[in-house]
Amino acid sequence: RLNQLVALLWMMLLAGCQQAGEILYV
């Protein structure tokens, strides 16, 4: 689950998503 979260975070970072910080923190 943690690996999936990290992968999702990287996808959002690449897309410039403003929710990336929240996802990383949570």
mmCIF file of all heavy atoms, coordinates in Angstrom:
data_MODEL
# 
_entry.id   MODEL 
# 
loop_
_atom_site.group_PDB 
_atom_site.id 
_atom_site.type_symbol 
_atom_site.label_atom_id 
_atom_site.label_alt_id 
_atom_site.label_comp_id 
_atom_site.label_asym_id 
_atom_site.label_entity_id 
_atom_site.label_seq_id 
_atom_site.pdbx_PDB_ins_code 
_atom_site.Cartn_x 
_atom_site.Cartn_y 
_atom_site.Cartn_z 
_atom_site.occupancy 
_atom_site.B_iso_or_equiv 
_atom_site.pdbx_formal_charge 
_atom_site.auth_seq_id 
_atom_site.auth_comp_id 
_atom_site.auth_asym_id 
_atom_site.auth_atom_id 
_atom_site.pdbx_PDB_model_num 
ATOM 1   N N   . ARG A 1 1  ? 0.830  -1.208 0.000   1.00 0.00 ? 1  ARG A N   1 
ATOM 2   C CA  . ARG A 1 1  ? 0.000  0.000  0.000   1.00 0.00 ? 1  ARG A CA  1 
ATOM 3   C C   . ARG A 1 1  ? 0.862  1.255  0.000   1.00 0.00 ? 1  ARG A C   1 
ATOM 4   O O   . ARG A 1 1  ? 0.553  2.240  -0.672  1.00 0.00 ? 1  ARG A O   1 
ATOM 5   C CB  . ARG A 1 1  ? -0.905 -0.012 1.229   1.00 0.00 ? 1  ARG A CB  1 
ATOM 6   C CG  . ARG A 1 1  ? -1.893 1.136  1.258   1.00 0.00 ? 1  ARG A CG  1 
ATOM 7   C CD  . ARG A 1 1  ? -2.873 0.970  2.389   1.00 0.00 ? 1  ARG A CD  1 
ATOM 8   N NE  . ARG A 1 1  ? -3.866 2.025  2.393   1.00 0.00 ? 1  ARG A NE  1 
ATOM 9   C CZ  . ARG A 1 1  ? -4.864 2.113  3.266   1.00 0.00 ? 1  ARG A CZ  1 
ATOM 10  N NH1 . ARG A 1 1  ? -4.999 1.192  4.186   1.00 0.00 ? 1  ARG A NH1 1 
ATOM 11  N NH2 . ARG A 1 1  ? -5.719 3.111  3.207   1.00 0.00 ? 1  ARG A NH2 1 
ATOM 12  N N   . LEU A 1 2  ? 1.960  1.223  0.761   1.00 0.00 ? 2  LEU A N   1 
ATOM 13  C CA  . LEU A 1 2  ? 2.856  2.364  0.804   1.00 0.00 ? 2  LEU A CA  1 
ATOM 14  C C   . LEU A 1 2  ? 3.493  2.593  -0.563  1.00 0.00 ? 2  LEU A C   1 
ATOM 15  O O   . LEU A 1 2  ? 3.609  3.727  -1.030  1.00 0.00 ? 2  LEU A O   1 
ATOM 16  C CB  . LEU A 1 2  ? 3.936  2.144  1.866   1.00 0.00 ? 2  LEU A CB  1 
ATOM 17  C CG  . LEU A 1 2  ? 4.951  3.280  2.050   1.00 0.00 ? 2  LEU A CG  1 
ATOM 18  C CD1 . LEU A 1 2  ? 4.237  4.571  2.424   1.00 0.00 ? 2  LEU A CD1 1 
ATOM 19  C CD2 . LEU A 1 2  ? 5.973  2.903  3.116   1.00 0.00 ? 2  LEU A CD2 1 
ATOM 20  N N   . ASN A 1 3  ? 3.908  1.515  -1.240  1.00 0.00 ? 3  ASN A N   1 
ATOM 21  C CA  . ASN A 1 3  ? 4.489  1.641  -2.577  1.00 0.00 ? 3  ASN A CA  1 
ATOM 22  C C   . ASN A 1 3  ? 3.489  2.229  -3.558  1.00 0.00 ? 3  ASN A C   1 
ATOM 23  O O   . ASN A 1 3  ? 3.850  3.044  -4.423  1.00 0.00 ? 3  ASN A O   1 
ATOM 24  C CB  . ASN A 1 3  ? 4.976  0.276  -3.062  1.00 0.00 ? 3  ASN A CB  1 
ATOM 25  C CG  . ASN A 1 3  ? 6.209  -0.200 -2.305  1.00 0.00 ? 3  ASN A CG  1 
ATOM 26  O OD1 . ASN A 1 3  ? 6.940  0.609  -1.735  1.00 0.00 ? 3  ASN A OD1 1 
ATOM 27  N ND2 . ASN A 1 3  ? 6.434  -1.498 -2.278  1.00 0.00 ? 3  ASN A ND2 1 
ATOM 28  N N   . GLN A 1 4  ? 2.236  1.807  -3.443  1.00 0.00 ? 4  GLN A N   1 
ATOM 29  C CA  . GLN A 1 4  ? 1.203  2.347  -4.311  1.00 0.00 ? 4  GLN A CA  1 
ATOM 30  C C   . GLN A 1 4  ? 1.004  3.844  -4.058  1.00 0.00 ? 4  GLN A C   1 
ATOM 31  O O   . GLN A 1 4  ? 0.814  4.626  -4.991  1.00 0.00 ? 4  GLN A O   1 
ATOM 32  C CB  . GLN A 1 4  ? -0.115 1.596  -4.081  1.00 0.00 ? 4  GLN A CB  1 
ATOM 33  C CG  . GLN A 1 4  ? -0.092 0.155  -4.562  1.00 0.00 ? 4  GLN A CG  1 
ATOM 34  C CD  . GLN A 1 4  ? -1.352 -0.594 -4.167  1.00 0.00 ? 4  GLN A CD  1 
ATOM 35  O OE1 . GLN A 1 4  ? -2.099 -0.170 -3.283  1.00 0.00 ? 4  GLN A OE1 1 
ATOM 36  N NE2 . GLN A 1 4  ? -1.587 -1.725 -4.809  1.00 0.00 ? 4  GLN A NE2 1 
ATOM 37  N N   . LEU A 1 5  ? 1.070  4.231  -2.782  1.00 0.00 ? 5  LEU A N   1 
ATOM 38  C CA  . LEU A 1 5  ? 0.932  5.639  -2.435  1.00 0.00 ? 5  LEU A CA  1 
ATOM 39  C C   . LEU A 1 5  ? 2.073  6.458  -3.028  1.00 0.00 ? 5  LEU A C   1 
ATOM 40  O O   . LEU A 1 5  ? 1.854  7.541  -3.582  1.00 0.00 ? 5  LEU A O   1 
ATOM 41  C CB  . LEU A 1 5  ? 0.911  5.792  -0.918  1.00 0.00 ? 5  LEU A CB  1 
ATOM 42  C CG  . LEU A 1 5  ? 0.838  7.217  -0.380  1.00 0.00 ? 5  LEU A CG  1 
ATOM 43  C CD1 . LEU A 1 5  ? -0.478 7.868  -0.762  1.00 0.00 ? 5  LEU A CD1 1 
ATOM 44  C CD2 . LEU A 1 5  ? 1.000  7.223  1.137   1.00 0.00 ? 5  LEU A CD2 1 
ATOM 45  N N   . VAL A 1 6  ? 3.282  5.951  -2.907  1.00 0.00 ? 6  VAL A N   1 
ATOM 46  C CA  . VAL A 1 6  ? 4.440  6.647  -3.457  1.00 0.00 ? 6  VAL A CA  1 
ATOM 47  C C   . VAL A 1 6  ? 4.319  6.796  -4.972  1.00 0.00 ? 6  VAL A C   1 
ATOM 48  O O   . VAL A 1 6  ? 4.584  7.865  -5.539  1.00 0.00 ? 6  VAL A O   1 
ATOM 49  C CB  . VAL A 1 6  ? 5.746  5.920  -3.091  1.00 0.00 ? 6  VAL A CB  1 
ATOM 50  C CG1 . VAL A 1 6  ? 6.928  6.525  -3.829  1.00 0.00 ? 6  VAL A CG1 1 
ATOM 51  C CG2 . VAL A 1 6  ? 5.984  5.988  -1.589  1.00 0.00 ? 6  VAL A CG2 1 
ATOM 52  N N   . ALA A 1 7  ? 3.875  5.725  -5.646  1.00 0.00 ? 7  ALA A N   1 
ATOM 53  C CA  . ALA A 1 7  ? 3.708  5.773  -7.093  1.00 0.00 ? 7  ALA A CA  1 
ATOM 54  C C   . ALA A 1 7  ? 2.659  6.810  -7.485  1.00 0.00 ? 7  ALA A C   1 
ATOM 55  O O   . ALA A 1 7  ? 2.840  7.587  -8.432  1.00 0.00 ? 7  ALA A O   1 
ATOM 56  C CB  . ALA A 1 7  ? 3.309  4.389  -7.612  1.00 0.00 ? 7  ALA A CB  1 
ATOM 57  N N   . LEU A 1 8  ? 1.550  6.844  -6.721  1.00 0.00 ? 8  LEU A N   1 
ATOM 58  C CA  . LEU A 1 8  ? 0.500  7.821  -7.006  1.00 0.00 ? 8  LEU A CA  1 
ATOM 59  C C   . LEU A 1 8  ? 1.013  9.234  -6.789  1.00 0.00 ? 8  LEU A C   1 
ATOM 60  O O   . LEU A 1 8  ? 0.722  10.150 -7.566  1.00 0.00 ? 8  LEU A O   1 
ATOM 61  C CB  . LEU A 1 8  ? -0.710 7.548  -6.104  1.00 0.00 ? 8  LEU A CB  1 
ATOM 62  C CG  . LEU A 1 8  ? -1.883 8.531  -6.207  1.00 0.00 ? 8  LEU A CG  1 
ATOM 63  C CD1 . LEU A 1 8  ? -2.434 8.549  -7.636  1.00 0.00 ? 8  LEU A CD1 1 
ATOM 64  C CD2 . LEU A 1 8  ? -2.970 8.182  -5.209  1.00 0.00 ? 8  LEU A CD2 1 
ATOM 65  N N   . LEU A 1 9  ? 1.782  9.418  -5.724  1.00 0.00 ? 9  LEU A N   1 
ATOM 66  C CA  . LEU A 1 9  ? 2.331  10.737 -5.444  1.00 0.00 ? 9  LEU A CA  1 
ATOM 67  C C   . LEU A 1 9  ? 3.212  11.223 -6.584  1.00 0.00 ? 9  LEU A C   1 
ATOM 68  O O   . LEU A 1 9  ? 3.115  12.369 -7.016  1.00 0.00 ? 9  LEU A O   1 
ATOM 69  C CB  . LEU A 1 9  ? 3.117  10.710 -4.131  1.00 0.00 ? 9  LEU A CB  1 
ATOM 70  C CG  . LEU A 1 9  ? 3.853  11.993 -3.765  1.00 0.00 ? 9  LEU A CG  1 
ATOM 71  C CD1 . LEU A 1 9  ? 2.858  13.128 -3.569  1.00 0.00 ? 9  LEU A CD1 1 
ATOM 72  C CD2 . LEU A 1 9  ? 4.699  11.796 -2.517  1.00 0.00 ? 9  LEU A CD2 1 
ATOM 73  N N   . TRP A 1 10 ? 4.080  10.367 -7.080  1.00 0.00 ? 10 TRP A N   1 
ATOM 74  C CA  . TRP A 1 10 ? 4.965  10.751 -8.180  1.00 0.00 ? 10 TRP A CA  1 
ATOM 75  C C   . TRP A 1 10 ? 4.166  11.125 -9.428  1.00 0.00 ? 10 TRP A C   1 
ATOM 76  O O   . TRP A 1 10 ? 4.495  12.079 -10.132 1.00 0.00 ? 10 TRP A O   1 
ATOM 77  C CB  . TRP A 1 10 ? 5.940  9.635  -8.500  1.00 0.00 ? 10 TRP A CB  1 
ATOM 78  C CG  . TRP A 1 10 ? 7.157  9.675  -7.629  1.00 0.00 ? 10 TRP A CG  1 
ATOM 79  C CD1 . TRP A 1 10 ? 7.518  8.784  -6.661  1.00 0.00 ? 10 TRP A CD1 1 
ATOM 80  C CD2 . TRP A 1 10 ? 8.174  10.679 -7.641  1.00 0.00 ? 10 TRP A CD2 1 
ATOM 81  N NE1 . TRP A 1 10 ? 8.675  9.173  -6.063  1.00 0.00 ? 10 TRP A NE1 1 
ATOM 82  C CE2 . TRP A 1 10 ? 9.115  10.330 -6.646  1.00 0.00 ? 10 TRP A CE2 1 
ATOM 83  C CE3 . TRP A 1 10 ? 8.380  11.850 -8.376  1.00 0.00 ? 10 TRP A CE3 1 
ATOM 84  C CZ2 . TRP A 1 10 ? 10.236 11.093 -6.381  1.00 0.00 ? 10 TRP A CZ2 1 
ATOM 85  C CZ3 . TRP A 1 10 ? 9.502  12.611 -8.111  1.00 0.00 ? 10 TRP A CZ3 1 
ATOM 86  C CH2 . TRP A 1 10 ? 10.417 12.236 -7.130  1.00 0.00 ? 10 TRP A CH2 1 
ATOM 87  N N   . MET A 1 11 ? 3.089  10.393 -9.690  1.00 0.00 ? 11 MET A N   1 
ATOM 88  C CA  . MET A 1 11 ? 2.238  10.713 -10.827 1.00 0.00 ? 11 MET A CA  1 
ATOM 89  C C   . MET A 1 11 ? 1.632  12.100 -10.666 1.00 0.00 ? 11 MET A C   1 
ATOM 90  O O   . MET A 1 11 ? 1.574  12.896 -11.610 1.00 0.00 ? 11 MET A O   1 
ATOM 91  C CB  . MET A 1 11 ? 1.131  9.662  -10.968 1.00 0.00 ? 11 MET A CB  1 
ATOM 92  C CG  . MET A 1 11 ? 1.631  8.287  -11.425 1.00 0.00 ? 11 MET A CG  1 
ATOM 93  S SD  . MET A 1 11 ? 0.310  7.050  -11.414 1.00 0.00 ? 11 MET A SD  1 
ATOM 94  C CE  . MET A 1 11 ? -0.809 7.769  -12.609 1.00 0.00 ? 11 MET A CE  1 
ATOM 95  N N   . MET A 1 12 ? 1.216  12.415 -9.436  1.00 0.00 ? 12 MET A N   1 
ATOM 96  C CA  . MET A 1 12 ? 0.592  13.713 -9.204  1.00 0.00 ? 12 MET A CA  1 
ATOM 97  C C   . MET A 1 12 ? 1.634  14.832 -9.261  1.00 0.00 ? 12 MET A C   1 
ATOM 98  O O   . MET A 1 12 ? 1.345  15.934 -9.731  1.00 0.00 ? 12 MET A O   1 
ATOM 99  C CB  . MET A 1 12 ? -0.123 13.716 -7.853  1.00 0.00 ? 12 MET A CB  1 
ATOM 100 C CG  . MET A 1 12 ? -1.254 12.694 -7.777  1.00 0.00 ? 12 MET A CG  1 
ATOM 101 S SD  . MET A 1 12 ? -2.180 12.788 -6.230  1.00 0.00 ? 12 MET A SD  1 
ATOM 102 C CE  . MET A 1 12 ? -3.165 14.236 -6.524  1.00 0.00 ? 12 MET A CE  1 
ATOM 103 N N   . LEU A 1 13 ? 2.819  14.532 -8.767  1.00 0.00 ? 13 LEU A N   1 
ATOM 104 C CA  . LEU A 1 13 ? 3.877  15.525 -8.853  1.00 0.00 ? 13 LEU A CA  1 
ATOM 105 C C   . LEU A 1 13 ? 4.194  15.857 -10.306 1.00 0.00 ? 13 LEU A C   1 
ATOM 106 O O   . LEU A 1 13 ? 4.366  17.026 -10.676 1.00 0.00 ? 13 LEU A O   1 
ATOM 107 C CB  . LEU A 1 13 ? 5.141  15.013 -8.151  1.00 0.00 ? 13 LEU A CB  1 
ATOM 108 C CG  . LEU A 1 13 ? 5.109  14.989 -6.624  1.00 0.00 ? 13 LEU A CG  1 
ATOM 109 C CD1 . LEU A 1 13 ? 6.352  14.270 -6.094  1.00 0.00 ? 13 LEU A CD1 1 
ATOM 110 C CD2 . LEU A 1 13 ? 5.055  16.402 -6.074  1.00 0.00 ? 13 LEU A CD2 1 
ATOM 111 N N   . LEU A 1 14 ? 4.272  14.833 -11.129 1.00 0.00 ? 14 LEU A N   1 
ATOM 112 C CA  . LEU A 1 14 ? 4.561  15.040 -12.544 1.00 0.00 ? 14 LEU A CA  1 
ATOM 113 C C   . LEU A 1 14 ? 3.447  15.832 -13.226 1.00 0.00 ? 14 LEU A C   1 
ATOM 114 O O   . LEU A 1 14 ? 3.687  16.582 -14.174 1.00 0.00 ? 14 LEU A O   1 
ATOM 115 C CB  . LEU A 1 14 ? 4.764  13.690 -13.240 1.00 0.00 ? 14 LEU A CB  1 
ATOM 116 C CG  . LEU A 1 14 ? 6.028  12.925 -12.816 1.00 0.00 ? 14 LEU A CG  1 
ATOM 117 C CD1 . LEU A 1 14 ? 6.013  11.528 -13.411 1.00 0.00 ? 14 LEU A CD1 1 
ATOM 118 C CD2 . LEU A 1 14 ? 7.286  13.679 -13.258 1.00 0.00 ? 14 LEU A CD2 1 
ATOM 119 N N   . ALA A 1 15 ? 2.244  15.652 -12.717 1.00 0.00 ? 15 ALA A N   1 
ATOM 120 C CA  . ALA A 1 15 ? 1.101  16.363 -13.295 1.00 0.00 ? 15 ALA A CA  1 
ATOM 121 C C   . ALA A 1 15 ? 0.929  17.760 -12.684 1.00 0.00 ? 15 ALA A C   1 
ATOM 122 O O   . ALA A 1 15 ? 0.065  18.520 -13.100 1.00 0.00 ? 15 ALA A O   1 
ATOM 123 C CB  . ALA A 1 15 ? -0.180 15.553 -13.089 1.00 0.00 ? 15 ALA A CB  1 
ATOM 124 N N   . GLY A 1 16 ? 1.749  18.073 -11.665 1.00 0.00 ? 16 GLY A N   1 
ATOM 125 C CA  . GLY A 1 16 ? 1.654  19.382 -11.027 1.00 0.00 ? 16 GLY A CA  1 
ATOM 126 C C   . GLY A 1 16 ? 0.419  19.529 -10.154 1.00 0.00 ? 16 GLY A C   1 
ATOM 127 O O   . GLY A 1 16 ? -0.078 20.629 -9.970  1.00 0.00 ? 16 GLY A O   1 
ATOM 128 N N   . CYS A 1 17 ? -0.076 18.427 -9.610  1.00 0.00 ? 17 CYS A N   1 
ATOM 129 C CA  . CYS A 1 17 ? -1.310 18.459 -8.819  1.00 0.00 ? 17 CYS A CA  1 
ATOM 130 C C   . CYS A 1 17 ? -1.083 19.167 -7.484  1.00 0.00 ? 17 CYS A C   1 
ATOM 131 O O   . CYS A 1 17 ? -0.121 18.883 -6.775  1.00 0.00 ? 17 CYS A O   1 
ATOM 132 C CB  . CYS A 1 17 ? -1.802 17.038 -8.557  1.00 0.00 ? 17 CYS A CB  1 
ATOM 133 S SG  . CYS A 1 17 ? -3.305 16.968 -7.552  1.00 0.00 ? 17 CYS A SG  1 
ATOM 134 N N   . GLN A 1 18 ? -1.990 20.094 -7.125  1.00 0.00 ? 18 GLN A N   1 
ATOM 135 C CA  . GLN A 1 18 ? -1.871 20.841 -5.883  1.00 0.00 ? 18 GLN A CA  1 
ATOM 136 C C   . GLN A 1 18 ? -2.195 19.996 -4.660  1.00 0.00 ? 18 GLN A C   1 
ATOM 137 O O   . GLN A 1 18 ? -1.911 20.407 -3.528  1.00 0.00 ? 18 GLN A O   1 
ATOM 138 C CB  . GLN A 1 18 ? -2.780 22.070 -5.911  1.00 0.00 ? 18 GLN A CB  1 
ATOM 139 C CG  . GLN A 1 18 ? -2.345 23.124 -6.914  1.00 0.00 ? 18 GLN A CG  1 
ATOM 140 C CD  . GLN A 1 18 ? -3.153 24.395 -6.768  1.00 0.00 ? 18 GLN A CD  1 
ATOM 141 O OE1 . GLN A 1 18 ? -4.136 24.442 -6.033  1.00 0.00 ? 18 GLN A OE1 1 
ATOM 142 N NE2 . GLN A 1 18 ? -2.728 25.423 -7.460  1.00 0.00 ? 18 GLN A NE2 1 
ATOM 143 N N   . GLN A 1 19 ? -2.784 18.814 -4.857  1.00 0.00 ? 19 GLN A N   1 
ATOM 144 C CA  . GLN A 1 19 ? -3.127 17.959 -3.733  1.00 0.00 ? 19 GLN A CA  1 
ATOM 145 C C   . GLN A 1 19 ? -1.974 17.046 -3.325  1.00 0.00 ? 19 GLN A C   1 
ATOM 146 O O   . GLN A 1 19 ? -2.099 16.268 -2.378  1.00 0.00 ? 19 GLN A O   1 
ATOM 147 C CB  . GLN A 1 19 ? -4.346 17.093 -4.091  1.00 0.00 ? 19 GLN A CB  1 
ATOM 148 C CG  . GLN A 1 19 ? -5.579 17.891 -4.477  1.00 0.00 ? 19 GLN A CG  1 
ATOM 149 C CD  . GLN A 1 19 ? -5.995 18.855 -3.395  1.00 0.00 ? 19 GLN A CD  1 
ATOM 150 O OE1 . GLN A 1 19 ? -6.048 18.498 -2.222  1.00 0.00 ? 19 GLN A OE1 1 
ATOM 151 N NE2 . GLN A 1 19 ? -6.289 20.092 -3.764  1.00 0.00 ? 19 GLN A NE2 1 
ATOM 152 N N   . ALA A 1 20 ? -0.853 17.136 -4.001  1.00 0.00 ? 20 ALA A N   1 
ATOM 153 C CA  . ALA A 1 20 ? 0.256  16.230 -3.722  1.00 0.00 ? 20 ALA A CA  1 
ATOM 154 C C   . ALA A 1 20 ? 0.758  16.372 -2.292  1.00 0.00 ? 20 ALA A C   1 
ATOM 155 O O   . ALA A 1 20 ? 1.091  15.385 -1.631  1.00 0.00 ? 20 ALA A O   1 
ATOM 156 C CB  . ALA A 1 20 ? 1.395  16.474 -4.702  1.00 0.00 ? 20 ALA A CB  1 
ATOM 157 N N   . GLY A 1 21 ? 0.836  17.608 -1.784  1.00 0.00 ? 21 GLY A N   1 
ATOM 158 C CA  . GLY A 1 21 ? 1.306  17.821 -0.425  1.00 0.00 ? 21 GLY A CA  1 
ATOM 159 C C   . GLY A 1 21 ? 0.403  17.170 0.607   1.00 0.00 ? 21 GLY A C   1 
ATOM 160 O O   . GLY A 1 21 ? 0.887  16.554 1.570   1.00 0.00 ? 21 GLY A O   1 
ATOM 161 N N   . GLU A 1 22 ? -0.909 17.275 0.392   1.00 0.00 ? 22 GLU A N   1 
ATOM 162 C CA  . GLU A 1 22 ? -1.853 16.645 1.303   1.00 0.00 ? 22 GLU A CA  1 
ATOM 163 C C   . GLU A 1 22 ? -1.719 15.128 1.267   1.00 0.00 ? 22 GLU A C   1 
ATOM 164 O O   . GLU A 1 22 ? -1.711 14.460 2.306   1.00 0.00 ? 22 GLU A O   1 
ATOM 165 C CB  . GLU A 1 22 ? -3.287 17.048 0.956   1.00 0.00 ? 22 GLU A CB  1 
ATOM 166 C CG  . GLU A 1 22 ? -4.332 16.416 1.852   1.00 0.00 ? 22 GLU A CG  1 
ATOM 167 C CD  . GLU A 1 22 ? -5.743 16.831 1.488   1.00 0.00 ? 22 GLU A CD  1 
ATOM 168 O OE1 . GLU A 1 22 ? -5.915 17.574 0.492   1.00 0.00 ? 22 GLU A OE1 1 
ATOM 169 O OE2 . GLU A 1 22 ? -6.672 16.419 2.185   1.00 0.00 ? 22 GLU A OE2 1 
ATOM 170 N N   . ILE A 1 23 ? -1.612 14.577 0.069   1.00 0.00 ? 23 ILE A N   1 
ATOM 171 C CA  . ILE A 1 23 ? -1.481 13.132 -0.064  1.00 0.00 ? 23 ILE A CA  1 
ATOM 172 C C   . ILE A 1 23 ? -0.197 12.634 0.595   1.00 0.00 ? 23 ILE A C   1 
ATOM 173 O O   . ILE A 1 23 ? -0.178 11.621 1.298   1.00 0.00 ? 23 ILE A O   1 
ATOM 174 C CB  . ILE A 1 23 ? -1.514 12.720 -1.543  1.00 0.00 ? 23 ILE A CB  1 
ATOM 175 C CG1 . ILE A 1 23 ? -2.913 12.969 -2.112  1.00 0.00 ? 23 ILE A CG1 1 
ATOM 176 C CG2 . ILE A 1 23 ? -1.116 11.261 -1.740  1.00 0.00 ? 23 ILE A CG2 1 
ATOM 177 C CD1 . ILE A 1 23 ? -3.027 12.757 -3.593  1.00 0.00 ? 23 ILE A CD1 1 
ATOM 178 N N   . LEU A 1 24 ? 0.882  13.381 0.404   1.00 0.00 ? 24 LEU A N   1 
ATOM 179 C CA  . LEU A 1 24 ? 2.157  13.004 1.012   1.00 0.00 ? 24 LEU A CA  1 
ATOM 180 C C   . LEU A 1 24 ? 2.054  13.042 2.536   1.00 0.00 ? 24 LEU A C   1 
ATOM 181 O O   . LEU A 1 24 ? 2.494  12.113 3.229   1.00 0.00 ? 24 LEU A O   1 
ATOM 182 C CB  . LEU A 1 24 ? 3.264  13.938 0.531   1.00 0.00 ? 24 LEU A CB  1 
ATOM 183 C CG  . LEU A 1 24 ? 4.659  13.714 1.131   1.00 0.00 ? 24 LEU A CG  1 
ATOM 184 C CD1 . LEU A 1 24 ? 5.140  12.308 0.868   1.00 0.00 ? 24 LEU A CD1 1 
ATOM 185 C CD2 . LEU A 1 24 ? 5.641  14.733 0.564   1.00 0.00 ? 24 LEU A CD2 1 
ATOM 186 N N   . TYR A 1 25 ? 1.464  14.102 3.065   1.00 0.00 ? 25 TYR A N   1 
ATOM 187 C CA  . TYR A 1 25 ? 1.358  14.243 4.513   1.00 0.00 ? 25 TYR A CA  1 
ATOM 188 C C   . TYR A 1 25 ? 0.457  13.166 5.115   1.00 0.00 ? 25 TYR A C   1 
ATOM 189 O O   . TYR A 1 25 ? 0.822  12.499 6.099   1.00 0.00 ? 25 TYR A O   1 
ATOM 190 C CB  . TYR A 1 25 ? 0.821  15.626 4.873   1.00 0.00 ? 25 TYR A CB  1 
ATOM 191 C CG  . TYR A 1 25 ? 0.647  15.842 6.347   1.00 0.00 ? 25 TYR A CG  1 
ATOM 192 C CD1 . TYR A 1 25 ? 1.753  16.043 7.173   1.00 0.00 ? 25 TYR A CD1 1 
ATOM 193 C CD2 . TYR A 1 25 ? -0.626 15.840 6.936   1.00 0.00 ? 25 TYR A CD2 1 
ATOM 194 C CE1 . TYR A 1 25 ? 1.598  16.232 8.539   1.00 0.00 ? 25 TYR A CE1 1 
ATOM 195 C CE2 . TYR A 1 25 ? -0.786 16.034 8.293   1.00 0.00 ? 25 TYR A CE2 1 
ATOM 196 C CZ  . TYR A 1 25 ? 0.327  16.225 9.088   1.00 0.00 ? 25 TYR A CZ  1 
ATOM 197 O OH  . TYR A 1 25 ? 0.162  16.403 10.440  1.00 0.00 ? 25 TYR A OH  1 
ATOM 198 N N   . VAL A 1 26 ? -0.722 12.985 4.537   1.00 0.00 ? 26 VAL A N   1 
ATOM 199 C CA  . VAL A 1 26 ? -1.665 11.995 5.058   1.00 0.00 ? 26 VAL A CA  1 
ATOM 200 C C   . VAL A 1 26 ? -1.069 10.593 4.952   1.00 0.00 ? 26 VAL A C   1 
ATOM 201 O O   . VAL A 1 26 ? -1.158 9.790  5.893   1.00 0.00 ? 26 VAL A O   1 
ATOM 202 C CB  . VAL A 1 26 ? -3.008 12.075 4.315   1.00 0.00 ? 26 VAL A CB  1 
ATOM 203 C CG1 . VAL A 1 26 ? -3.908 10.909 4.710   1.00 0.00 ? 26 VAL A CG1 1 
ATOM 204 C CG2 . VAL A 1 26 ? -3.696 13.399 4.603   1.00 0.00 ? 26 VAL A CG2 1 
# 
